[in-house]
Amino acid sequence: METQKDLIIVPGHGVCKAGLTTPNMALLDSSWVGIFPGEGPFYVAHAERGVRLAAEKASALLVFSGGQTREDAGPRSEAEGYLEIAKDAGWWDCIAVKDRAVKEEYARDSFENLLFGLALFRQHTGNWPNMVTVCGWKFKEKRYSLHRQALKWPKKQFRYFGVNDPTGDELPKALAGEKAKVESVSRDLFLVGSEWVAQRELRDPFHRMHPYRGIDRDLDGLFDFLDRNTFTGKLPWLP
């Protein structure tokens, strides 16, 4: 993985059950845990778009991100389901991407999707990426822009690729919910408030600890802040 210079992140939104990740089965509500009705095809599209974007750039590391967030799914991560969907789809004829695709199995929210994606890239390559692309719901672009700002990741080295949005009556609901989330993120850029802590605890039923400490001293300082609100260092990707 040492040659990879760019990072593509596909955030997970639910767990696709083992053995139900084939092209037909992954579209069904019954194949998933933790999604709203009818969302399976949207998430398959997120995975496919991430693969196709990675196929366009041989320097890209593709990261499917999402932890073991659902107790009913057992110790199976969102990332694992997405990776298996891609494998069962034959990588949508972009077979070379399989050697540049990895799982990030600890993220519990969108901020961690971005932060842990960066940490995993550093762990794999020894460097920070030149460009970061996040590939997911169109309506979440503003939220990820705020996450980028919180981390002071350079704007010119960040792209959000909105794949799709819910349709019909679900879209107004999604937009209303996201408006409230964005307002919350705007007040709490690092998501250390009680609302977000409670959400992460709910999405961590197996009480797992991420493995990204020890990669970079400055990154450890950020993790200290996120754990205890005592950040005194600098962000590791800044000059």
Protein backbone atom coordinates (compact mmCIF):
# COMPACT_ATOMS: atom_id res chain seq x y z
CA MET A 1 0.00 0.00 0.00
CA GLU A 2 3.02 2.32 0.17
CA THR A 3 2.31 3.80 -3.29
CA GLN A 4 -1.15 5.10 -2.41
CA LYS A 5 -1.38 8.89 -2.32
CA ASP A 6 -5.14 9.57 -2.28
CA LEU A 7 -7.92 8.46 0.04
CA ILE A 8 -11.50 7.60 -0.90
CA ILE A 9 -13.88 6.97 2.02
CA VAL A 10 -17.27 5.30 1.72
CA PRO A 11 -19.08 5.76 5.06
CA GLY A 12 -21.34 2.92 6.17
CA HIS A 13 -24.93 3.40 7.32
CA GLY A 14 -26.00 -0.10 8.30
CA VAL A 15 -24.80 -3.70 8.47
CA CYS A 16 -25.44 -5.99 5.51
CA LYS A 17 -25.77 -9.51 6.88
CA ALA A 18 -23.25 -12.23 6.07
CA GLY A 19 -24.28 -14.32 3.08
CA LEU A 20 -26.77 -11.70 1.90
CA THR A 21 -24.34 -9.39 0.08
CA THR A 22 -24.90 -10.68 -3.46
CA PRO A 23 -26.16 -8.14 -6.02
CA ASN A 24 -29.81 -9.17 -5.66
CA MET A 25 -29.88 -9.83 -1.92
CA ALA A 26 -28.06 -6.62 -0.93
CA LEU A 27 -30.98 -4.61 -2.32
CA LEU A 28 -33.47 -6.11 0.15
CA ASP A 29 -34.42 -4.56 3.49
CA SER A 30 -34.28 -8.02 5.08
CA SER A 31 -30.56 -8.27 4.26
CA TRP A 32 -29.67 -5.29 6.44
CA VAL A 33 -29.65 -4.32 10.10
CA GLY A 34 -30.02 -0.68 11.11
CA ILE A 35 -31.32 1.00 7.96
CA PHE A 36 -34.59 2.68 7.04
CA PRO A 37 -36.89 0.82 4.63
CA GLY A 38 -35.80 0.91 1.01
CA GLU A 39 -32.28 2.20 1.63
CA GLY A 40 -30.32 -0.90 0.61
CA PRO A 41 -30.02 0.05 -3.09
CA PHE A 42 -28.74 3.51 -2.13
CA TYR A 43 -25.92 2.03 -0.06
CA VAL A 44 -24.98 -0.43 -2.78
CA ALA A 45 -24.73 2.62 -5.06
CA HIS A 46 -22.40 4.31 -2.54
CA ALA A 47 -20.12 1.28 -2.57
CA GLU A 48 -20.16 1.08 -6.34
CA ARG A 49 -19.36 4.77 -6.76
CA GLY A 50 -16.45 4.47 -4.34
CA VAL A 51 -15.06 1.55 -6.32
CA ARG A 52 -15.45 3.39 -9.64
CA LEU A 53 -13.78 6.52 -8.27
CA ALA A 54 -10.89 4.39 -7.02
CA ALA A 55 -10.65 2.74 -10.44
CA GLU A 56 -10.13 6.15 -12.02
CA LYS A 57 -7.07 6.78 -9.88
CA ALA A 58 -4.45 4.09 -9.40
CA SER A 59 -2.98 6.12 -6.53
CA ALA A 60 -6.18 5.84 -4.45
CA LEU A 61 -6.73 3.72 -1.34
CA LEU A 62 -10.43 2.87 -0.97
CA VAL A 63 -11.68 2.70 2.61
CA PHE A 64 -15.08 1.30 3.52
CA SER A 65 -15.70 2.80 6.96
CA GLY A 66 -18.11 1.76 9.68
CA GLY A 67 -17.88 -0.16 12.92
CA GLN A 68 -19.80 -2.96 14.61
CA THR A 69 -22.63 -0.54 15.30
CA ARG A 70 -25.66 -2.83 15.65
CA GLU A 71 -26.04 -5.36 18.44
CA ASP A 72 -28.63 -7.29 16.44
CA ALA A 73 -26.04 -7.81 13.68
CA GLY A 74 -23.54 -9.31 16.10
CA PRO A 75 -19.79 -8.61 15.83
CA ARG A 76 -19.98 -7.70 12.15
CA SER A 77 -19.00 -4.24 10.92
CA GLU A 78 -20.68 -1.97 8.43
CA ALA A 79 -17.38 -1.88 6.54
CA GLU A 80 -17.27 -5.67 6.25
CA GLY A 81 -20.70 -5.75 4.66
CA TYR A 82 -19.84 -3.06 2.13
CA LEU A 83 -16.59 -4.79 1.19
CA GLU A 84 -18.41 -8.08 0.65
CA ILE A 85 -21.03 -6.32 -1.48
CA ALA A 86 -18.22 -5.04 -3.70
CA LYS A 87 -16.60 -8.49 -3.87
CA ASP A 88 -19.88 -10.22 -4.73
CA ALA A 89 -20.55 -7.64 -7.44
CA GLY A 90 -17.21 -8.49 -9.03
CA TRP A 91 -16.02 -5.00 -8.17
CA TRP A 92 -18.33 -3.77 -10.94
CA ASP A 93 -15.69 -4.85 -13.47
CA CYS A 94 -13.06 -2.70 -11.72
CA ILE A 95 -11.23 -5.74 -10.40
CA ALA A 96 -7.88 -3.99 -9.82
CA VAL A 97 -9.48 -1.99 -7.00
CA LYS A 98 -9.71 -5.10 -4.82
CA ASP A 99 -6.01 -4.82 -4.03
CA ARG A 100 -6.47 -1.22 -2.87
CA ALA A 101 -9.62 -1.62 -0.77
CA VAL A 102 -9.59 -1.96 3.02
CA LYS A 103 -12.00 -1.95 5.95
CA GLU A 104 -12.10 0.70 8.67
CA GLU A 105 -14.16 -1.11 11.30
CA TYR A 106 -14.38 1.30 14.24
CA ALA A 107 -16.15 4.51 13.14
CA ARG A 108 -19.44 5.23 14.89
CA ASP A 109 -20.40 8.53 13.27
CA SER A 110 -19.51 10.75 10.32
CA PHE A 111 -16.73 12.57 12.15
CA GLU A 112 -15.06 9.26 12.93
CA ASN A 113 -15.57 8.09 9.33
CA LEU A 114 -13.33 10.97 8.26
CA LEU A 115 -10.86 10.95 11.15
CA PHE A 116 -10.43 7.17 11.30
CA GLY A 117 -10.18 7.03 7.51
CA LEU A 118 -7.25 9.43 7.71
CA ALA A 119 -5.70 7.42 10.54
CA LEU A 120 -6.03 4.15 8.63
CA PHE A 121 -4.46 5.72 5.55
CA ARG A 122 -1.52 6.87 7.68
CA GLN A 123 -1.25 3.40 9.20
CA HIS A 124 -1.15 1.75 5.76
CA THR A 125 1.11 4.17 3.92
CA GLY A 126 3.13 6.05 6.55
CA ASN A 127 1.89 9.33 5.04
CA TRP A 128 -1.15 11.58 4.97
CA PRO A 129 -3.13 11.61 1.73
CA ASN A 130 -2.77 14.28 -0.93
CA MET A 131 -6.50 14.26 -1.58
CA VAL A 132 -9.47 13.01 0.43
CA THR A 133 -12.77 12.12 -1.25
CA VAL A 134 -15.84 11.14 0.77
CA CYS A 135 -18.55 9.33 -1.14
CA GLY A 136 -22.09 9.11 0.29
CA TRP A 137 -25.47 10.79 0.73
CA LYS A 138 -25.81 14.10 -1.13
CA PHE A 139 -27.59 15.69 1.85
CA LYS A 140 -24.60 15.09 4.15
CA GLU A 141 -22.15 17.30 2.26
CA LYS A 142 -22.50 20.24 4.66
CA ARG A 143 -21.86 18.01 7.67
CA TYR A 144 -18.64 16.67 6.18
CA SER A 145 -17.56 20.19 5.30
CA LEU A 146 -17.84 21.02 9.00
CA HIS A 147 -15.85 17.91 9.94
CA ARG A 148 -13.15 18.96 7.49
CA GLN A 149 -13.08 22.43 9.04
CA ALA A 150 -12.87 21.00 12.56
CA LEU A 151 -9.85 18.93 11.56
CA LYS A 152 -8.39 21.86 9.60
CA TRP A 153 -7.91 19.57 6.64
CA PRO A 154 -7.06 21.77 3.61
CA LYS A 155 -10.15 22.63 1.58
CA LYS A 156 -8.30 22.25 -1.71
CA GLN A 157 -7.41 18.68 -0.73
CA PHE A 158 -10.96 17.59 0.03
CA ARG A 159 -13.89 16.59 -2.14
CA TYR A 160 -17.35 15.37 -1.21
CA PHE A 161 -19.04 13.21 -3.83
CA GLY A 162 -22.79 13.08 -3.25
CA VAL A 163 -24.10 9.88 -4.85
CA ASN A 164 -27.83 10.05 -4.16
CA ASP A 165 -30.57 11.11 -1.78
CA PRO A 166 -33.62 9.31 -0.43
CA THR A 167 -36.65 9.60 -2.68
CA GLY A 168 -40.32 10.39 -2.23
CA ASP A 169 -41.57 11.18 1.25
CA GLU A 170 -38.28 10.05 2.80
CA LEU A 171 -36.30 12.98 1.39
CA PRO A 172 -38.03 15.76 3.43
CA LYS A 173 -37.59 13.64 6.55
CA ALA A 174 -33.90 13.12 5.83
CA LEU A 175 -33.34 16.82 5.12
CA ALA A 176 -35.12 17.86 8.32
CA GLY A 177 -33.11 15.40 10.39
CA GLU A 178 -29.87 16.48 8.77
CA LYS A 179 -30.64 20.16 9.38
CA ALA A 180 -30.83 19.42 13.11
CA LYS A 181 -27.61 17.38 12.96
CA VAL A 182 -25.74 20.14 11.12
CA GLU A 183 -26.87 22.69 13.69
CA SER A 184 -25.58 20.39 16.44
CA VAL A 185 -22.24 19.87 14.66
CA SER A 186 -21.91 23.63 14.15
CA ARG A 187 -22.15 24.12 17.93
CA ASP A 188 -19.86 21.18 18.74
CA LEU A 189 -17.34 20.73 15.94
CA PHE A 190 -15.48 17.85 17.57
CA LEU A 191 -18.68 16.06 18.64
CA VAL A 192 -17.64 15.78 22.28
CA GLY A 193 -21.01 16.86 23.73
CA SER A 194 -23.42 14.53 25.50
CA GLU A 195 -25.67 14.08 22.47
CA TRP A 196 -22.85 12.68 20.36
CA VAL A 197 -21.25 10.71 23.19
CA ALA A 198 -24.57 8.98 23.81
CA GLN A 199 -24.97 8.20 20.11
CA ARG A 200 -21.49 6.69 19.91
CA GLU A 201 -22.13 4.58 23.00
CA LEU A 202 -25.34 3.30 21.41
CA ARG A 203 -23.40 2.42 18.28
CA ASP A 204 -20.69 0.60 20.20
CA PRO A 205 -22.60 -2.35 21.72
CA PHE A 206 -19.44 -4.49 21.92
CA HIS A 207 -17.35 -1.79 23.64
CA ARG A 208 -14.47 -1.83 21.18
CA MET A 209 -11.39 0.39 21.22
CA HIS A 210 -10.03 1.74 17.95
CA PRO A 211 -6.43 0.75 17.06
CA TYR A 212 -5.17 4.10 15.81
CA ARG A 213 -3.13 5.24 18.78
CA GLY A 214 0.61 5.09 18.34
CA ILE A 215 0.54 5.92 14.63
CA ASP A 216 1.42 9.58 15.12
CA ARG A 217 2.19 11.54 18.30
CA ASP A 218 0.14 14.56 17.25
CA LEU A 219 -2.76 12.32 16.29
CA ASP A 220 -2.60 10.80 19.77
CA GLY A 221 -2.95 14.33 21.13
CA LEU A 222 -6.18 14.73 19.18
CA PHE A 223 -7.46 11.40 20.49
CA ASP A 224 -6.64 12.59 24.03
CA PHE A 225 -8.77 15.65 23.40
CA LEU A 226 -11.66 13.64 22.02
CA ASP A 227 -11.51 11.34 25.06
CA ARG A 228 -10.95 13.95 27.78
CA ASN A 229 -11.25 17.48 26.33
CA THR A 230 -7.57 18.19 27.02
CA PHE A 231 -6.16 18.89 23.57
CA THR A 232 -2.91 20.89 23.75
CA GLY A 233 -1.11 19.72 20.62
CA LYS A 234 -1.32 20.45 16.91
CA LEU A 235 -3.11 18.61 14.15
CA PRO A 236 -0.56 16.28 12.54
CA TRP A 237 -1.26 17.12 8.91
CA LEU A 238 -0.62 20.84 9.37
CA PRO A 239 2.83 22.29 8.54
